[in-house]
C-alpha atoms as a PDB file:
ATOM      1  CA  UNK A   1      31.530  25.089 129.052  1.00  0.00           C
ATOM      2  CA  UNK A   2      30.133  27.573 131.550  1.00  0.00           C
ATOM      3  CA  UNK A   3      31.503  27.537 135.085  1.00  0.00           C
ATOM      4  CA  UNK A   4      29.940  29.512 137.910  1.00  0.00           C
ATOM      5  CA  UNK A   5      32.155  31.147 140.508  1.00  0.00           C
ATOM      6  CA  UNK A   6      31.328  32.591 143.924  1.00  0.00           C
ATOM      7  CA  UNK A   7      33.836  34.604 145.929  1.00  0.00           C
ATOM      8  CA  UNK A   8      32.042  34.709 149.275  1.00  0.00           C
ATOM      9  CA  UNK A   9      33.713  37.330 151.441  1.00  0.00           C
ATOM     10  CA  UNK A  10      32.793  38.598 154.852  1.00  0.00           C
ATOM     11  CA  UNK A  11      32.220  42.069 153.389  1.00  0.00           C
ATOM     12  CA  UNK A  12      30.970  41.332 149.882  1.00  0.00           C
ATOM     13  CA  UNK A  13      30.022  38.503 147.540  1.00  0.00           C
ATOM     14  CA  UNK A  14      31.209  38.366 143.932  1.00  0.00           C
ATOM     15  CA  UNK A  15      29.467  35.987 141.521  1.00  0.00           C
ATOM     16  CA  UNK A  16      30.507  35.317 137.957  1.00  0.00           C
ATOM     17  CA  UNK A  17      30.545  33.024 134.951  1.00  0.00           C
ATOM     18  CA  UNK A  18      33.746  31.929 133.249  1.00  0.00           C
ATOM     19  CA  UNK A  19      35.369  29.237 131.146  1.00  0.00           C
ATOM     20  CA  UNK A  20      38.097  26.610 131.402  1.00  0.00           C
ATOM     21  CA  UNK A  21      40.781  29.147 130.437  1.00  0.00           C
ATOM     22  CA  UNK A  22      40.189  31.240 133.531  1.00  0.00           C
ATOM     23  CA  UNK A  23      38.363  33.985 131.643  1.00  0.00           C
ATOM     24  CA  UNK A  24      35.503  35.682 133.494  1.00  0.00           C
ATOM     25  CA  UNK A  25      32.762  36.597 131.024  1.00  0.00           C
ATOM     26  CA  UNK A  26      30.613  38.532 133.500  1.00  0.00           C
ATOM     27  CA  UNK A  27      30.277  39.174 137.199  1.00  0.00           C
ATOM     28  CA  UNK A  28      28.267  41.025 139.821  1.00  0.00           C
ATOM     29  CA  UNK A  29      29.013  41.994 143.420  1.00  0.00           C
ATOM     30  CA  UNK A  30      26.903  42.965 146.408  1.00  0.00           C
ATOM     31  CA  UNK A  31      27.382  43.429 150.155  1.00  0.00           C
ATOM     32  CA  UNK A  32      27.334  40.378 152.424  1.00  0.00           C
ATOM     33  CA  UNK A  33      24.162  40.571 154.488  1.00  0.00           C
ATOM     34  CA  UNK A  34      22.294  37.854 156.346  1.00  0.00           C
ATOM     35  CA  UNK A  35      22.458  34.376 154.750  1.00  0.00           C
ATOM     36  CA  UNK A  36      18.910  34.298 153.435  1.00  0.00           C
ATOM     37  CA  UNK A  37      19.150  37.669 151.692  1.00  0.00           C
ATOM     38  CA  UNK A  38      22.669  37.114 150.394  1.00  0.00           C
ATOM     39  CA  UNK A  39      22.126  33.613 149.028  1.00  0.00           C
ATOM     40  CA  UNK A  40      18.783  34.725 147.633  1.00  0.00           C
ATOM     41  CA  UNK A  41      20.712  37.115 145.417  1.00  0.00           C
ATOM     42  CA  UNK A  42      23.226  34.398 144.522  1.00  0.00           C
ATOM     43  CA  UNK A  43      20.448  31.994 143.519  1.00  0.00           C
ATOM     44  CA  UNK A  44      18.661  34.632 141.481  1.00  0.00           C
ATOM     45  CA  UNK A  45      21.877  35.395 139.591  1.00  0.00           C
ATOM     46  CA  UNK A  46      22.660  31.787 138.676  1.00  0.00           C
ATOM     47  CA  UNK A  47      19.073  30.759 137.842  1.00  0.00           C
ATOM     48  CA  UNK A  48      19.456  32.063 134.301  1.00  0.00           C
ATOM     49  CA  UNK A  49      23.131  31.243 133.735  1.00  0.00           C
ATOM     50  CA  UNK A  50      22.952  27.476 133.048  1.00  0.00           C
ATOM     51  CA  UNK A  51      26.281  26.772 134.714  1.00  0.00           C
ATOM     52  CA  UNK A  52      27.763  23.301 134.252  1.00  0.00           C
ATOM     53  CA  UNK A  53      29.415  23.504 137.672  1.00  0.00           C
ATOM     54  CA  UNK A  54      29.858  26.088 140.438  1.00  0.00           C
ATOM     55  CA  UNK A  55      32.891  26.764 142.599  1.00  0.00           C
ATOM     56  CA  UNK A  56      32.690  28.521 145.960  1.00  0.00           C
ATOM     57  CA  UNK A  57      35.531  30.132 147.862  1.00  0.00           C
ATOM     58  CA  UNK A  58      34.047  31.126 151.205  1.00  0.00           C
ATOM     59  CA  UNK A  59      35.048  33.130 154.247  1.00  0.00           C
ATOM     60  CA  UNK A  60      35.472  30.823 157.210  1.00  0.00           C
ATOM     61  CA  UNK A  61      35.937  28.867 159.217  1.00  0.00           C
ATOM     62  CA  UNK A  62      34.054  26.311 157.115  1.00  0.00           C
ATOM     63  CA  UNK A  63      33.613  22.534 157.158  1.00  0.00           C
ATOM     64  CA  UNK A  64      35.346  20.961 154.151  1.00  0.00           C
ATOM     65  CA  UNK A  65      35.382  17.343 155.388  1.00  0.00           C
ATOM     66  CA  UNK A  66      33.209  15.441 152.932  1.00  0.00           C
ATOM     67  CA  UNK A  67      32.401  12.721 155.476  1.00  0.00           C
ATOM     68  CA  UNK A  68      31.142  15.268 158.029  1.00  0.00           C
ATOM     69  CA  UNK A  69      27.413  15.815 158.719  1.00  0.00           C
ATOM     70  CA  UNK A  70      28.092  19.564 158.548  1.00  0.00           C
ATOM     71  CA  UNK A  71      30.101  19.471 155.303  1.00  0.00           C
ATOM     72  CA  UNK A  72      29.489  22.732 153.455  1.00  0.00           C
ATOM     73  CA  UNK A  73      28.651  24.728 156.585  1.00  0.00           C
ATOM     74  CA  UNK A  74      30.140  27.997 157.725  1.00  0.00           C
ATOM     75  CA  UNK A  75      31.044  27.121 161.321  1.00  0.00           C
ATOM     76  CA  UNK A  76      32.424  29.379 164.075  1.00  0.00           C
ATOM     77  CA  UNK A  77      32.434  32.713 162.300  1.00  0.00           C
ATOM     78  CA  UNK A  78      31.517  35.751 164.439  1.00  0.00           C
ATOM     79  CA  UNK A  79      29.585  37.178 161.460  1.00  0.00           C
ATOM     80  CA  UNK A  80      25.945  37.518 162.588  1.00  0.00           C
ATOM     81  CA  UNK A  81      23.620  34.869 161.190  1.00  0.00           C
ATOM     82  CA  UNK A  82      26.305  32.827 159.456  1.00  0.00           C
ATOM     83  CA  UNK A  83      27.511  30.640 162.314  1.00  0.00           C
ATOM     84  CA  UNK A  84      26.665  26.959 161.681  1.00  0.00           C
ATOM     85  CA  UNK A  85      24.882  27.851 158.453  1.00  0.00           C
ATOM     86  CA  UNK A  86      24.525  25.307 155.617  1.00  0.00           C
ATOM     87  CA  UNK A  87      25.954  27.429 152.804  1.00  0.00           C
ATOM     88  CA  UNK A  88      26.730  24.674 150.291  1.00  0.00           C
ATOM     89  CA  UNK A  89      23.563  22.689 150.979  1.00  0.00           C
ATOM     90  CA  UNK A  90      21.396  25.739 150.331  1.00  0.00           C
ATOM     91  CA  UNK A  91      22.820  26.077 146.828  1.00  0.00           C
ATOM     92  CA  UNK A  92      22.880  22.355 146.113  1.00  0.00           C
ATOM     93  CA  UNK A  93      19.138  22.242 146.654  1.00  0.00           C
ATOM     94  CA  UNK A  94      18.723  24.795 143.874  1.00  0.00           C
ATOM     95  CA  UNK A  95      21.323  23.636 141.330  1.00  0.00           C
ATOM     96  CA  UNK A  96      21.925  19.933 140.492  1.00  0.00           C
ATOM     97  CA  UNK A  97      25.498  20.460 139.262  1.00  0.00           C
ATOM     98  CA  UNK A  98      28.967  19.609 140.639  1.00  0.00           C
ATOM     99  CA  UNK A  99      30.193  22.030 143.292  1.00  0.00           C
ATOM    100  CA  UNK A 100      33.698  22.953 144.341  1.00  0.00           C
ATOM    101  CA  UNK A 101      33.924  24.121 147.960  1.00  0.00           C
ATOM    102  CA  UNK A 102      36.877  25.580 149.850  1.00  0.00           C
ATOM    103  CA  UNK A 103      38.036  28.612 151.784  1.00  0.00           C
ATOM    104  CA  UNK A 104      38.297  31.924 149.969  1.00  0.00           C
ATOM    105  CA  UNK A 105      42.080  32.014 150.439  1.00  0.00           C
ATOM    106  CA  UNK A 106      42.596  28.416 149.332  1.00  0.00           C
ATOM    107  CA  UNK A 107      40.507  29.248 146.275  1.00  0.00           C
ATOM    108  CA  UNK A 108      42.678  32.283 145.517  1.00  0.00           C
ATOM    109  CA  UNK A 109      45.831  30.168 145.945  1.00  0.00           C
ATOM    110  CA  UNK A 110      44.360  27.610 143.526  1.00  0.00           C
ATOM    111  CA  UNK A 111      43.504  30.312 141.008  1.00  0.00           C
ATOM    112  CA  UNK A 112      47.013  31.755 141.193  1.00  0.00           C
ATOM    113  CA  UNK A 113      48.520  28.280 140.785  1.00  0.00           C
ATOM    114  CA  UNK A 114      46.264  27.549 137.815  1.00  0.00           C
ATOM    115  CA  UNK A 115      46.382  30.827 135.890  1.00  0.00           C
ATOM    116  CA  UNK A 116      48.283  33.441 137.913  1.00  0.00           C
ATOM    117  CA  UNK A 117      51.578  34.289 139.593  1.00  0.00           C
ATOM    118  CA  UNK A 118      52.278  30.664 140.630  1.00  0.00           C
ATOM    119  CA  UNK A 119      51.305  29.058 137.329  1.00  0.00           C
ATOM    120  CA  UNK A 120      53.605  26.110 136.589  1.00  0.00           C
ATOM    121  CA  UNK A 121      54.804  25.846 140.185  1.00  0.00           C
ATOM    122  CA  UNK A 122      54.048  23.045 142.613  1.00  0.00           C
ATOM    123  CA  UNK A 123      53.487  25.275 145.636  1.00  0.00           C
ATOM    124  CA  UNK A 124      52.511  28.751 146.775  1.00  0.00           C
ATOM    125  CA  UNK A 125      51.027  30.663 149.682  1.00  0.00           C
ATOM    126  CA  UNK A 126      48.254  33.197 149.211  1.00  0.00           C
ATOM    127  CA  UNK A 127      47.703  35.816 151.899  1.00  0.00           C
ATOM    128  CA  UNK A 128      44.623  37.986 151.925  1.00  0.00           C
ATOM    129  CA  UNK A 129      44.896  41.008 154.189  1.00  0.00           C
ATOM    130  CA  UNK A 130      41.644  42.901 154.451  1.00  0.00           C
ATOM    131  CA  UNK A 131      38.578  42.598 156.696  1.00  0.00           C
ATOM    132  CA  UNK A 132      40.408  39.578 158.102  1.00  0.00           C
ATOM    133  CA  UNK A 133      43.700  37.859 157.421  1.00  0.00           C
ATOM    134  CA  UNK A 134      43.701  34.452 155.761  1.00  0.00           C
ATOM    135  CA  UNK A 135      46.353  32.190 154.281  1.00  0.00           C
ATOM    136  CA  UNK A 136      45.715  29.688 151.506  1.00  0.00           C
ATOM    137  CA  UNK A 137      48.213  26.854 151.070  1.00  0.00           C
ATOM    138  CA  UNK A 138      48.899  25.054 147.786  1.00  0.00           C
ATOM    139  CA  UNK A 139      51.602  22.406 148.189  1.00  0.00           C
ATOM    140  CA  UNK A 140      52.920  19.605 145.969  1.00  0.00           C
ATOM    141  CA  UNK A 141      50.240  20.290 143.395  1.00  0.00           C
ATOM    142  CA  UNK A 142      47.186  20.332 145.669  1.00  0.00           C
ATOM    143  CA  UNK A 143      45.389  22.449 148.227  1.00  0.00           C
ATOM    144  CA  UNK A 144      46.194  21.743 151.868  1.00  0.00           C
ATOM    145  CA  UNK A 145      43.325  20.999 154.252  1.00  0.00           C
ATOM    146  CA  UNK A 146      44.442  18.732 157.077  1.00  0.00           C
ATOM    147  CA  UNK A 147      42.334  18.500 160.244  1.00  0.00           C
ATOM    148  CA  UNK A 148      40.091  21.430 159.266  1.00  0.00           C
ATOM    149  CA  UNK A 149      41.879  23.873 156.963  1.00  0.00           C
ATOM    150  CA  UNK A 150      44.693  26.381 157.458  1.00  0.00           C
ATOM    151  CA  UNK A 151      43.723  29.391 159.600  1.00  0.00           C
ATOM    152  CA  UNK A 152      47.027  31.220 159.413  1.00  0.00           C
ATOM    153  CA  UNK A 153      45.474  34.585 160.181  1.00  0.00           C
ATOM    154  CA  UNK A 154      45.123  33.517 163.798  1.00  0.00           C
ATOM    155  CA  UNK A 155      48.704  32.528 164.541  1.00  0.00           C
ATOM    156  CA  UNK A 156      50.207  34.297 167.531  1.00  0.00           C
ATOM    157  CA  UNK A 157      52.672  37.106 166.905  1.00  0.00           C
ATOM    158  CA  UNK A 158      55.691  38.689 168.534  1.00  0.00           C
ATOM    159  CA  UNK A 159      54.733  42.256 169.404  1.00  0.00           C
ATOM    160  CA  UNK A 160      56.344  45.258 167.696  1.00  0.00           C
ATOM    161  CA  UNK A 161      58.400  47.183 170.272  1.00  0.00           C
ATOM    162  CA  UNK A 162      56.569  50.463 169.548  1.00  0.00           C
ATOM    163  CA  UNK A 163      53.069  48.977 169.468  1.00  0.00           C
ATOM    164  CA  UNK A 164      50.822  48.886 172.530  1.00  0.00           C
ATOM    165  CA  UNK A 165      47.607  48.167 170.588  1.00  0.00           C
ATOM    166  CA  UNK A 166      45.584  45.459 172.358  1.00  0.00           C
ATOM    167  CA  UNK A 167      44.452  43.763 169.146  1.00  0.00           C
ATOM    168  CA  UNK A 168      41.129  43.499 167.334  1.00  0.00           C
ATOM    169  CA  UNK A 169      40.438  39.750 167.067  1.00  0.00           C
ATOM    170  CA  UNK A 170      37.344  38.745 169.091  1.00  0.00           C
ATOM    171  CA  UNK A 171      38.837  35.273 169.656  1.00  0.00           C
ATOM    172  CA  UNK A 172      42.537  35.901 170.262  1.00  0.00           C
ATOM    173  CA  UNK A 173      43.089  39.621 170.678  1.00  0.00           C
ATOM    174  CA  UNK A 174      46.611  40.179 169.332  1.00  0.00           C
ATOM    175  CA  UNK A 175      46.962  37.342 166.807  1.00  0.00           C
ATOM    176  CA  UNK A 176      48.047  38.229 163.256  1.00  0.00           C
ATOM    177  CA  UNK A 177      44.511  39.171 162.210  1.00  0.00           C
ATOM    178  CA  UNK A 178      44.041  41.125 165.425  1.00  0.00           C
ATOM    179  CA  UNK A 179      47.144  43.177 164.694  1.00  0.00           C
ATOM    180  CA  UNK A 180      47.298  43.462 160.898  1.00  0.00           C
ATOM    181  CA  UNK A 181      43.771  43.314 159.420  1.00  0.00           C
ATOM    182  CA  UNK A 182      41.999  46.336 157.990  1.00  0.00           C
ATOM    183  CA  UNK A 183      39.814  46.731 161.108  1.00  0.00           C
ATOM    184  CA  UNK A 184      42.945  46.518 163.281  1.00  0.00           C
ATOM    185  CA  UNK A 185      44.536  49.356 161.302  1.00  0.00           C
ATOM    186  CA  UNK A 186      41.406  51.457 161.660  1.00  0.00           C
ATOM    187  CA  UNK A 187      40.977  50.749 165.363  1.00  0.00           C
ATOM    188  CA  UNK A 188      44.645  51.439 166.135  1.00  0.00           C
ATOM    189  CA  UNK A 189      44.956  54.692 164.152  1.00  0.00           C
ATOM    190  CA  UNK A 190      41.311  55.889 164.257  1.00  0.00           C
ATOM    191  CA  UNK A 191      41.132  56.236 160.452  1.00  0.00           C
ATOM    192  CA  UNK A 192      40.741  53.759 157.634  1.00  0.00           C
ATOM    193  CA  UNK A 193      44.019  52.399 156.288  1.00  0.00           C
ATOM    194  CA  UNK A 194      43.653  53.986 152.850  1.00  0.00           C
ATOM    195  CA  UNK A 195      43.477  57.401 154.527  1.00  0.00           C
ATOM    196  CA  UNK A 196      46.958  57.030 156.067  1.00  0.00           C
ATOM    197  CA  UNK A 197      49.858  58.566 154.091  1.00  0.00           C
ATOM    198  CA  UNK A 198      52.452  56.249 152.572  1.00  0.00           C
ATOM    199  CA  UNK A 199      55.136  57.425 155.019  1.00  0.00           C
ATOM    200  CA  UNK A 200      52.991  56.881 158.129  1.00  0.00           C
ATOM    201  CA  UNK A 201      54.588  54.651 160.804  1.00  0.00           C
ATOM    202  CA  UNK A 202      51.525  52.395 160.523  1.00  0.00           C
ATOM    203  CA  UNK A 203      53.016  50.708 157.463  1.00  0.00           C
ATOM    204  CA  UNK A 204      56.300  49.729 159.077  1.00  0.00           C
ATOM    205  CA  UNK A 205      54.321  48.166 161.947  1.00  0.00           C
ATOM    206  CA  UNK A 206      51.996  46.428 159.490  1.00  0.00           C
ATOM    207  CA  UNK A 207      54.980  45.037 157.577  1.00  0.00           C
ATOM    208  CA  UNK A 208      56.537  43.847 160.846  1.00  0.00           C
ATOM    209  CA  UNK A 209      53.560  41.595 161.640  1.00  0.00           C
ATOM    210  CA  UNK A 210      53.029  40.297 158.110  1.00  0.00           C
ATOM    211  CA  UNK A 211      56.735  39.604 157.561  1.00  0.00           C
ATOM    212  CA  UNK A 212      56.876  37.693 160.835  1.00  0.00           C
ATOM    213  CA  UNK A 213      54.121  35.383 159.609  1.00  0.00           C
ATOM    214  CA  UNK A 214      55.582  35.056 156.114  1.00  0.00           C
ATOM    215  CA  UNK A 215      59.046  34.156 157.406  1.00  0.00           C
ATOM    216  CA  UNK A 216      57.550  31.500 159.656  1.00  0.00           C
ATOM    217  CA  UNK A 217      55.458  30.102 156.817  1.00  0.00           C
ATOM    218  CA  UNK A 218      58.494  29.985 154.515  1.00  0.00           C
ATOM    219  CA  UNK A 219      60.430  28.025 157.145  1.00  0.00           C
ATOM    220  CA  UNK A 220      57.528  25.646 157.757  1.00  0.00           C
ATOM    221  CA  UNK A 221      56.148  25.096 154.244  1.00  0.00           C
ATOM    222  CA  UNK A 222      58.946  26.161 151.854  1.00  0.00           C
ATOM    223  CA  UNK A 223      56.621  27.635 149.189  1.00  0.00           C
ATOM    224  CA  UNK A 224      57.911  28.471 145.727  1.00  0.00           C
ATOM    225  CA  UNK A 225      55.960  31.740 145.681  1.00  0.00           C
ATOM    226  CA  UNK A 226      54.311  34.006 148.256  1.00  0.00           C
ATOM    227  CA  UNK A 227      51.380  36.052 146.957  1.00  0.00           C
ATOM    228  CA  UNK A 228      49.907  38.942 148.949  1.00  0.00           C
ATOM    229  CA  UNK A 229      46.390  40.151 148.157  1.00  0.00           C
ATOM    230  CA  UNK A 230      43.431  41.822 149.828  1.00  0.00           C
ATOM    231  CA  UNK A 231      42.410  45.412 150.404  1.00  0.00           C
ATOM    232  CA  UNK A 232      45.243  46.349 152.749  1.00  0.00           C
ATOM    233  CA  UNK A 233      47.807  45.146 150.208  1.00  0.00           C
ATOM    234  CA  UNK A 234      46.593  47.809 147.775  1.00  0.00           C
ATOM    235  CA  UNK A 235      49.143  49.970 149.606  1.00  0.00           C
ATOM    236  CA  UNK A 236      52.117  49.495 147.267  1.00  0.00           C
ATOM    237  CA  UNK A 237      54.600  50.785 149.852  1.00  0.00           C
ATOM    238  CA  UNK A 238      54.005  47.646 151.915  1.00  0.00           C
ATOM    239  CA  UNK A 239      55.726  45.274 149.493  1.00  0.00           C
ATOM    240  CA  UNK A 240      59.321  46.556 149.850  1.00  0.00           C
ATOM    241  CA  UNK A 241      58.857  46.922 153.620  1.00  0.00           C
ATOM    242  CA  UNK A 242      57.633  43.324 153.903  1.00  0.00           C
ATOM    243  CA  UNK A 243      60.361  41.922 151.641  1.00  0.00           C
ATOM    244  CA  UNK A 244      63.136  43.573 153.623  1.00  0.00           C
ATOM    245  CA  UNK A 245      61.612  42.506 156.940  1.00  0.00           C
ATOM    246  CA  UNK A 246      61.325  38.902 155.740  1.00  0.00           C
ATOM    247  CA  UNK A 247      65.004  38.917 154.760  1.00  0.00           C
ATOM    248  CA  UNK A 248      65.943  40.323 158.174  1.00  0.00           C
ATOM    249  CA  UNK A 249      63.862  37.683 159.928  1.00  0.00           C
ATOM    250  CA  UNK A 250      65.433  34.832 157.959  1.00  0.00           C
ATOM    251  CA  UNK A 251      68.895  36.388 158.389  1.00  0.00           C
ATOM    252  CA  UNK A 252      70.520  34.455 155.559  1.00  0.00           C
ATOM    253  CA  UNK A 253      69.603  31.061 157.007  1.00  0.00           C
ATOM    254  CA  UNK A 254      67.906  29.805 153.829  1.00  0.00           C
ATOM    255  CA  UNK A 255      70.364  29.487 150.950  1.00  0.00           C
ATOM    256  CA  UNK A 256      67.817  30.237 148.239  1.00  0.00           C
ATOM    257  CA  UNK A 257      68.389  32.718 145.443  1.00  0.00           C
ATOM    258  CA  UNK A 258      64.674  33.486 145.307  1.00  0.00           C
ATOM    259  CA  UNK A 259      64.959  35.007 148.790  1.00  0.00           C
ATOM    260  CA  UNK A 260      68.548  36.265 148.857  1.00  0.00           C
ATOM    261  CA  UNK A 261      68.704  37.742 145.351  1.00  0.00           C
ATOM    262  CA  UNK A 262      65.254  37.790 143.743  1.00  0.00           C
ATOM    263  CA  UNK A 263      62.823  38.464 146.548  1.00  0.00           C
ATOM    264  CA  UNK A 264      60.954  41.071 144.440  1.00  0.00           C
ATOM    265  CA  UNK A 265      59.863  38.137 142.249  1.00  0.00           C
ATOM    266  CA  UNK A 266      59.229  35.821 145.192  1.00  0.00           C
ATOM    267  CA  UNK A 267      56.892  37.907 147.370  1.00  0.00           C
ATOM    268  CA  UNK A 268      54.483  39.384 144.840  1.00  0.00           C
ATOM    269  CA  UNK A 269      50.984  40.782 144.250  1.00  0.00           C
ATOM    270  CA  UNK A 270      48.374  38.455 142.725  1.00  0.00           C
ATOM    271  CA  UNK A 271      48.985  37.743 139.062  1.00  0.00           C
ATOM    272  CA  UNK A 272      45.207  37.714 138.633  1.00  0.00           C
ATOM    273  CA  UNK A 273      44.843  41.069 140.357  1.00  0.00           C
ATOM    274  CA  UNK A 274      41.480  41.784 141.926  1.00  0.00           C
ATOM    275  CA  UNK A 275      40.019  38.673 140.252  1.00  0.00           C
ATOM    276  CA  UNK A 276      42.224  36.184 142.136  1.00  0.00           C
ATOM    277  CA  UNK A 277      39.395  35.091 144.426  1.00  0.00           C
ATOM    278  CA  UNK A 278      36.777  34.825 141.683  1.00  0.00           C
ATOM    279  CA  UNK A 279      39.157  32.999 139.327  1.00  0.00           C
ATOM    280  CA  UNK A 280      40.041  30.707 142.216  1.00  0.00           C
ATOM    281  CA  UNK A 281      36.376  29.844 142.686  1.00  0.00           C
ATOM    282  CA  UNK A 282      36.194  29.256 138.937  1.00  0.00           C
ATOM    283  CA  UNK A 283      39.119  26.828 139.228  1.00  0.00           C
ATOM    284  CA  UNK A 284      37.322  25.000 142.051  1.00  0.00           C
ATOM    285  CA  UNK A 285      34.202  24.631 139.916  1.00  0.00           C
ATOM    286  CA  UNK A 286      36.209  23.420 136.939  1.00  0.00           C
ATOM    287  CA  UNK A 287      38.016  20.871 139.131  1.00  0.00           C
ATOM    288  CA  UNK A 288      34.678  19.595 140.498  1.00  0.00           C
ATOM    289  CA  UNK A 289      33.335  19.154 136.973  1.00  0.00           C
ATOM    290  CA  UNK A 290      36.438  17.274 135.832  1.00  0.00           C
ATOM    291  CA  UNK A 291      36.428  15.062 138.913  1.00  0.00           C
ATOM    292  CA  UNK A 292      32.815  14.075 138.265  1.00  0.00           C
ATOM    293  CA  UNK A 293      33.616  13.277 134.652  1.00  0.00           C
END
């Protein structure tokens, strides 16, 4: 069994081949350019791989409603050339195999629930904090979609008292993504996040915004695990800051040992590491193949 996987990010694409145990045998990555060039490289990669199914976890927003005439499209993204583009249809015309299709963060949540930090649990949240901020929701053993799909990176935030940054989101200004994404860090501090020292005040402000969202999501969705990934979360000093801020925000209201006593094991990095997104796409492809069978 050979399953194709595509982690389609706003900055880069990662394509790979894996198996039903979540093992990636090989992969390639390249920058995300215009759709024709980018998918041309995707098609060329998979032409010789003989995949039995392909899973795609894509940056969004995307249309995941199977009864919609634009199912498989990237929709209102500000990324040049990708708005209202038929991503899934382009690949379906090249490869007559089952396809799994979901957001990149839902895919990562699915991968973590299948093989990673949330394996054996019925629910988890997956945050990616990087070029954008996205939240994948896995609840009661399945991915959550609803009207469109969760877009938790664009929830409104309460402003940090020492922060007068206007925000970087082109749609909402100071939403979570506008305040806590990688580009927001760079625009606010005039350097890339990885260039800031670990004791810089940027990280306490970053933790303030992320913890606000996480506390709200815990109250709303009651996940059994919260997983934080993405480029910004490569800053290890963020985890203890976020955990403590979440506990302050909840203020003892939730009588759960996972939060009150074991929060280091509750808010965690991806169990699949940097391969969470690609393994998630692999899980989507495997699910599509099994559903067809």
